[in-house]
Amino acid sequence: MTVPLILASGSEIRARLLENAAIPFTRIVPRVDEETVKSALVAESAPPRDIADALAELKARKVSDKNPGAMVIGCDQVLDFQGRMLSKPDSPDTALAQLKEMRGQRHMLLSAAVICQDGQPIWRHVGQVRLRMREMSDAYLSGYVNRNWESIRHAVGAYKLEEEGVRLFTTIDGDYFNVLGMPMLELLNFLAMRGVIET
């Protein structure tokens, strides 16, 4: 690989996805104030899709500015529930409230990825997954949050499908990689097309 590839993310799952695909990369965690940017975009009534895309670009651009020539991947994931964005829960009570509100309903996960080179975006994609949550009892949801809080506190929507969270759903329509927070197939297609990875 002639072009260095950098993942601008602190996410262990995103790093593992690239490692599992045998993609050589380094990782740099970007220092960005996500909450301030997110709040400003919400105040401007930006749709959840645009918020995910903007945050992914912000992370990629921040690292790209300091690493000339490298291709830098920035990612972000948001949950769109009836046109409203839900974030990572800040407490078990918030997690439980989110799950109770979403049960029996559909929502959408939006996983954005942007690649920047020399401080400019050269590729972007927002993957979508539509999910319908099962009708779960208050008792089960309460127990679920208590059992899984340390893990789900880092997940939008307060669930992880690769763990017990899969029991919360009746249908999932979309690419599993997007559920995990990275549109892997589209990303790999771009890297292959540009000759960054061997095909």
Protein backbone atom coordinates (compact mmCIF):
# COMPACT_ATOMS: atom_id res chain seq x y z
CA MET A 1 0.00 0.00 0.00
CA THR A 2 1.59 3.26 -1.11
CA VAL A 3 -0.78 5.70 0.61
CA PRO A 4 -0.82 5.64 4.43
CA LEU A 5 -4.28 4.96 5.85
CA ILE A 6 -5.30 6.45 9.19
CA LEU A 7 -8.44 5.74 11.19
CA ALA A 8 -9.47 8.91 13.02
CA SER A 9 -11.44 7.14 15.74
CA GLY A 10 -11.21 5.84 19.28
CA SER A 11 -13.72 3.09 18.46
CA GLU A 12 -12.42 -0.40 19.16
CA ILE A 13 -15.06 -2.01 16.94
CA ARG A 14 -14.14 0.15 13.92
CA ALA A 15 -10.47 -0.65 14.39
CA ARG A 16 -11.31 -4.35 14.67
CA LEU A 17 -13.33 -4.25 11.44
CA LEU A 18 -10.32 -2.92 9.53
CA GLU A 19 -7.97 -5.38 11.25
CA ASN A 20 -10.27 -8.31 10.45
CA ALA A 21 -10.27 -7.22 6.78
CA ALA A 22 -6.43 -7.25 6.82
CA ILE A 23 -6.23 -3.53 6.05
CA PRO A 24 -2.96 -1.91 7.20
CA PHE A 25 -3.69 1.32 9.08
CA THR A 26 -2.69 3.44 12.02
CA ARG A 27 -5.09 5.00 14.46
CA ILE A 28 -5.19 8.55 15.76
CA VAL A 29 -7.99 9.66 18.06
CA PRO A 30 -9.11 13.14 16.96
CA ARG A 31 -9.56 15.84 19.58
CA VAL A 32 -12.89 17.37 18.61
CA ASP A 33 -15.75 18.81 20.65
CA GLU A 34 -18.47 16.58 19.20
CA GLU A 35 -21.19 17.70 21.59
CA THR A 36 -20.81 21.41 20.77
CA VAL A 37 -20.92 20.74 17.02
CA LYS A 38 -23.83 18.33 17.42
CA SER A 39 -25.78 20.83 19.54
CA ALA A 40 -25.22 23.60 16.99
CA LEU A 41 -26.43 21.40 14.13
CA VAL A 42 -29.50 20.29 16.10
CA ALA A 43 -30.25 23.95 16.87
CA GLU A 44 -30.16 24.61 13.11
CA SER A 45 -32.65 21.74 12.60
CA ALA A 46 -30.11 19.73 10.59
CA PRO A 47 -31.41 16.22 9.84
CA PRO A 48 -29.71 13.31 11.62
CA ARG A 49 -28.08 12.13 8.36
CA ASP A 50 -26.35 15.48 7.88
CA ILE A 51 -25.20 15.51 11.50
CA ALA A 52 -23.55 12.08 11.15
CA ASP A 53 -21.84 13.18 7.92
CA ALA A 54 -20.63 16.49 9.38
CA LEU A 55 -19.15 14.83 12.47
CA ALA A 56 -17.40 12.16 10.39
CA GLU A 57 -15.87 14.88 8.20
CA LEU A 58 -14.83 16.94 11.21
CA LYS A 59 -12.87 14.01 12.67
CA ALA A 60 -11.23 13.08 9.36
CA ARG A 61 -10.29 16.68 8.52
CA LYS A 62 -8.81 17.30 11.98
CA VAL A 63 -6.38 14.39 11.66
CA SER A 64 -5.78 14.94 7.93
CA ASP A 65 -4.61 18.51 8.51
CA LYS A 66 -1.66 17.14 10.50
CA ASN A 67 -0.89 14.14 8.27
CA PRO A 68 -0.30 15.32 4.70
CA GLY A 69 -0.63 12.71 1.98
CA ALA A 70 -2.40 10.15 4.16
CA MET A 71 -5.97 9.06 3.60
CA VAL A 72 -7.82 9.65 6.86
CA ILE A 73 -11.10 7.89 7.67
CA GLY A 74 -13.53 9.67 9.98
CA CYS A 75 -16.73 7.98 11.14
CA ASP A 76 -19.83 8.80 13.11
CA GLN A 77 -23.11 7.05 13.84
CA VAL A 78 -26.42 8.55 14.88
CA LEU A 79 -29.86 7.13 15.54
CA ASP A 80 -32.84 8.69 13.76
CA PHE A 81 -36.06 8.05 15.66
CA GLN A 82 -39.02 9.64 13.93
CA GLY A 83 -36.83 12.45 12.60
CA ARG A 84 -35.23 13.09 15.99
CA MET A 85 -31.67 12.19 16.82
CA LEU A 86 -30.96 10.02 19.85
CA SER A 87 -27.45 10.04 21.30
CA LYS A 88 -25.49 7.75 23.59
CA PRO A 89 -27.28 7.56 26.94
CA ASP A 90 -25.68 9.54 29.76
CA SER A 91 -27.21 7.42 32.52
CA PRO A 92 -29.05 4.10 33.02
CA ASP A 93 -32.28 6.09 33.43
CA THR A 94 -31.76 7.75 30.05
CA ALA A 95 -31.02 4.39 28.44
CA LEU A 96 -34.20 2.88 29.88
CA ALA A 97 -36.28 5.86 28.76
CA GLN A 98 -34.91 5.62 25.20
CA LEU A 99 -35.62 1.89 24.99
CA LYS A 100 -39.15 2.29 26.33
CA GLU A 101 -39.84 5.02 23.80
CA MET A 102 -38.54 2.97 20.86
CA ARG A 103 -40.12 -0.39 21.70
CA GLY A 104 -42.61 -1.59 19.10
CA GLN A 105 -41.42 1.19 16.76
CA ARG A 106 -39.08 1.55 13.82
CA HIS A 107 -35.91 3.61 13.87
CA MET A 108 -32.89 4.08 11.64
CA LEU A 109 -29.15 3.88 12.27
CA LEU A 110 -27.04 6.17 10.09
CA SER A 111 -23.34 5.30 9.82
CA ALA A 112 -21.28 7.98 8.10
CA ALA A 113 -17.72 7.69 6.85
CA VAL A 114 -15.64 10.42 5.23
CA ILE A 115 -12.12 10.14 3.85
CA CYS A 116 -9.99 13.27 3.83
CA GLN A 117 -6.62 13.74 2.14
CA ASP A 118 -4.54 16.88 2.66
CA GLY A 119 -7.37 18.40 4.66
CA GLN A 120 -10.05 17.95 1.99
CA PRO A 121 -12.84 15.33 1.75
CA ILE A 122 -12.33 13.00 -1.22
CA TRP A 123 -15.03 10.39 -0.45
CA ARG A 124 -18.09 10.09 1.76
CA HIS A 125 -20.91 7.65 2.37
CA VAL A 126 -23.78 7.35 4.83
CA GLY A 127 -25.07 3.82 5.30
CA GLN A 128 -28.61 3.24 6.57
CA VAL A 129 -30.13 0.39 8.57
CA ARG A 130 -33.82 0.23 9.47
CA LEU A 131 -34.73 -1.65 12.63
CA ARG A 132 -37.99 -2.53 14.36
CA MET A 133 -37.87 -3.05 18.08
CA ARG A 134 -39.84 -5.80 19.76
CA GLU A 135 -42.53 -5.04 22.37
CA MET A 136 -40.56 -5.70 25.54
CA SER A 137 -41.81 -5.55 29.13
CA ASP A 138 -40.66 -2.83 31.51
CA ALA A 139 -39.14 -5.55 33.70
CA TYR A 140 -37.07 -7.02 30.89
CA LEU A 141 -35.83 -3.61 29.70
CA SER A 142 -34.89 -2.62 33.24
CA GLY A 143 -32.95 -5.86 33.71
CA TYR A 144 -31.35 -5.46 30.29
CA VAL A 145 -30.02 -2.00 31.14
CA ASN A 146 -28.75 -3.16 34.54
CA ARG A 147 -26.94 -6.17 33.05
CA ASN A 148 -25.43 -4.30 30.12
CA TRP A 149 -24.93 -0.70 31.23
CA GLU A 150 -21.12 -0.69 31.07
CA SER A 151 -21.28 -1.76 27.43
CA ILE A 152 -24.37 0.06 26.13
CA ARG A 153 -23.38 3.42 27.64
CA HIS A 154 -21.08 3.74 24.60
CA ALA A 155 -23.79 2.87 22.06
CA VAL A 156 -26.36 5.11 20.40
CA GLY A 157 -29.82 3.81 21.24
CA ALA A 158 -28.51 1.95 24.30
CA TYR A 159 -28.03 -1.41 22.59
CA LYS A 160 -25.42 -3.50 20.80
CA LEU A 161 -26.66 -6.06 18.31
CA GLU A 162 -23.49 -8.12 18.69
CA GLU A 163 -24.49 -8.67 22.33
CA GLU A 164 -27.78 -9.22 24.20
CA GLY A 165 -29.25 -6.24 22.34
CA VAL A 166 -30.11 -8.51 19.41
CA ARG A 167 -33.04 -9.81 21.50
CA LEU A 168 -34.66 -6.38 21.36
CA PHE A 169 -35.48 -6.59 17.63
CA THR A 170 -37.98 -8.26 15.33
CA THR A 171 -36.53 -7.04 12.00
CA ILE A 172 -33.29 -5.50 10.80
CA ASP A 173 -33.11 -4.25 7.22
CA GLY A 174 -29.63 -3.28 6.09
CA ASP A 175 -25.92 -4.04 6.18
CA TYR A 176 -24.62 -5.39 9.49
CA PHE A 177 -21.40 -3.37 9.11
CA ASN A 178 -23.50 -0.20 9.22
CA VAL A 179 -25.00 -1.42 12.49
CA LEU A 180 -21.45 -1.69 13.85
CA GLY A 181 -20.71 1.88 12.79
CA MET A 182 -18.77 1.69 9.52
CA PRO A 183 -19.97 1.25 5.90
CA MET A 184 -17.22 -1.32 5.25
CA LEU A 185 -18.17 -2.59 1.80
CA GLU A 186 -18.45 0.90 0.30
CA LEU A 187 -15.21 1.93 2.02
CA LEU A 188 -13.35 -1.13 0.71
CA ASN A 189 -14.71 -0.54 -2.80
CA PHE A 190 -13.31 2.99 -2.77
CA LEU A 191 -9.92 1.93 -1.42
CA ALA A 192 -9.71 -0.84 -4.03
CA MET A 193 -10.71 1.52 -6.85
CA ARG A 194 -8.00 3.98 -5.82
CA GLY A 195 -5.39 1.24 -5.59
CA VAL A 196 -4.87 1.75 -1.86
CA ILE A 197 -5.60 -1.92 -1.14
CA GLU A 198 -4.67 -4.91 -3.24
CA THR A 199 -7.36 -6.61 -5.35
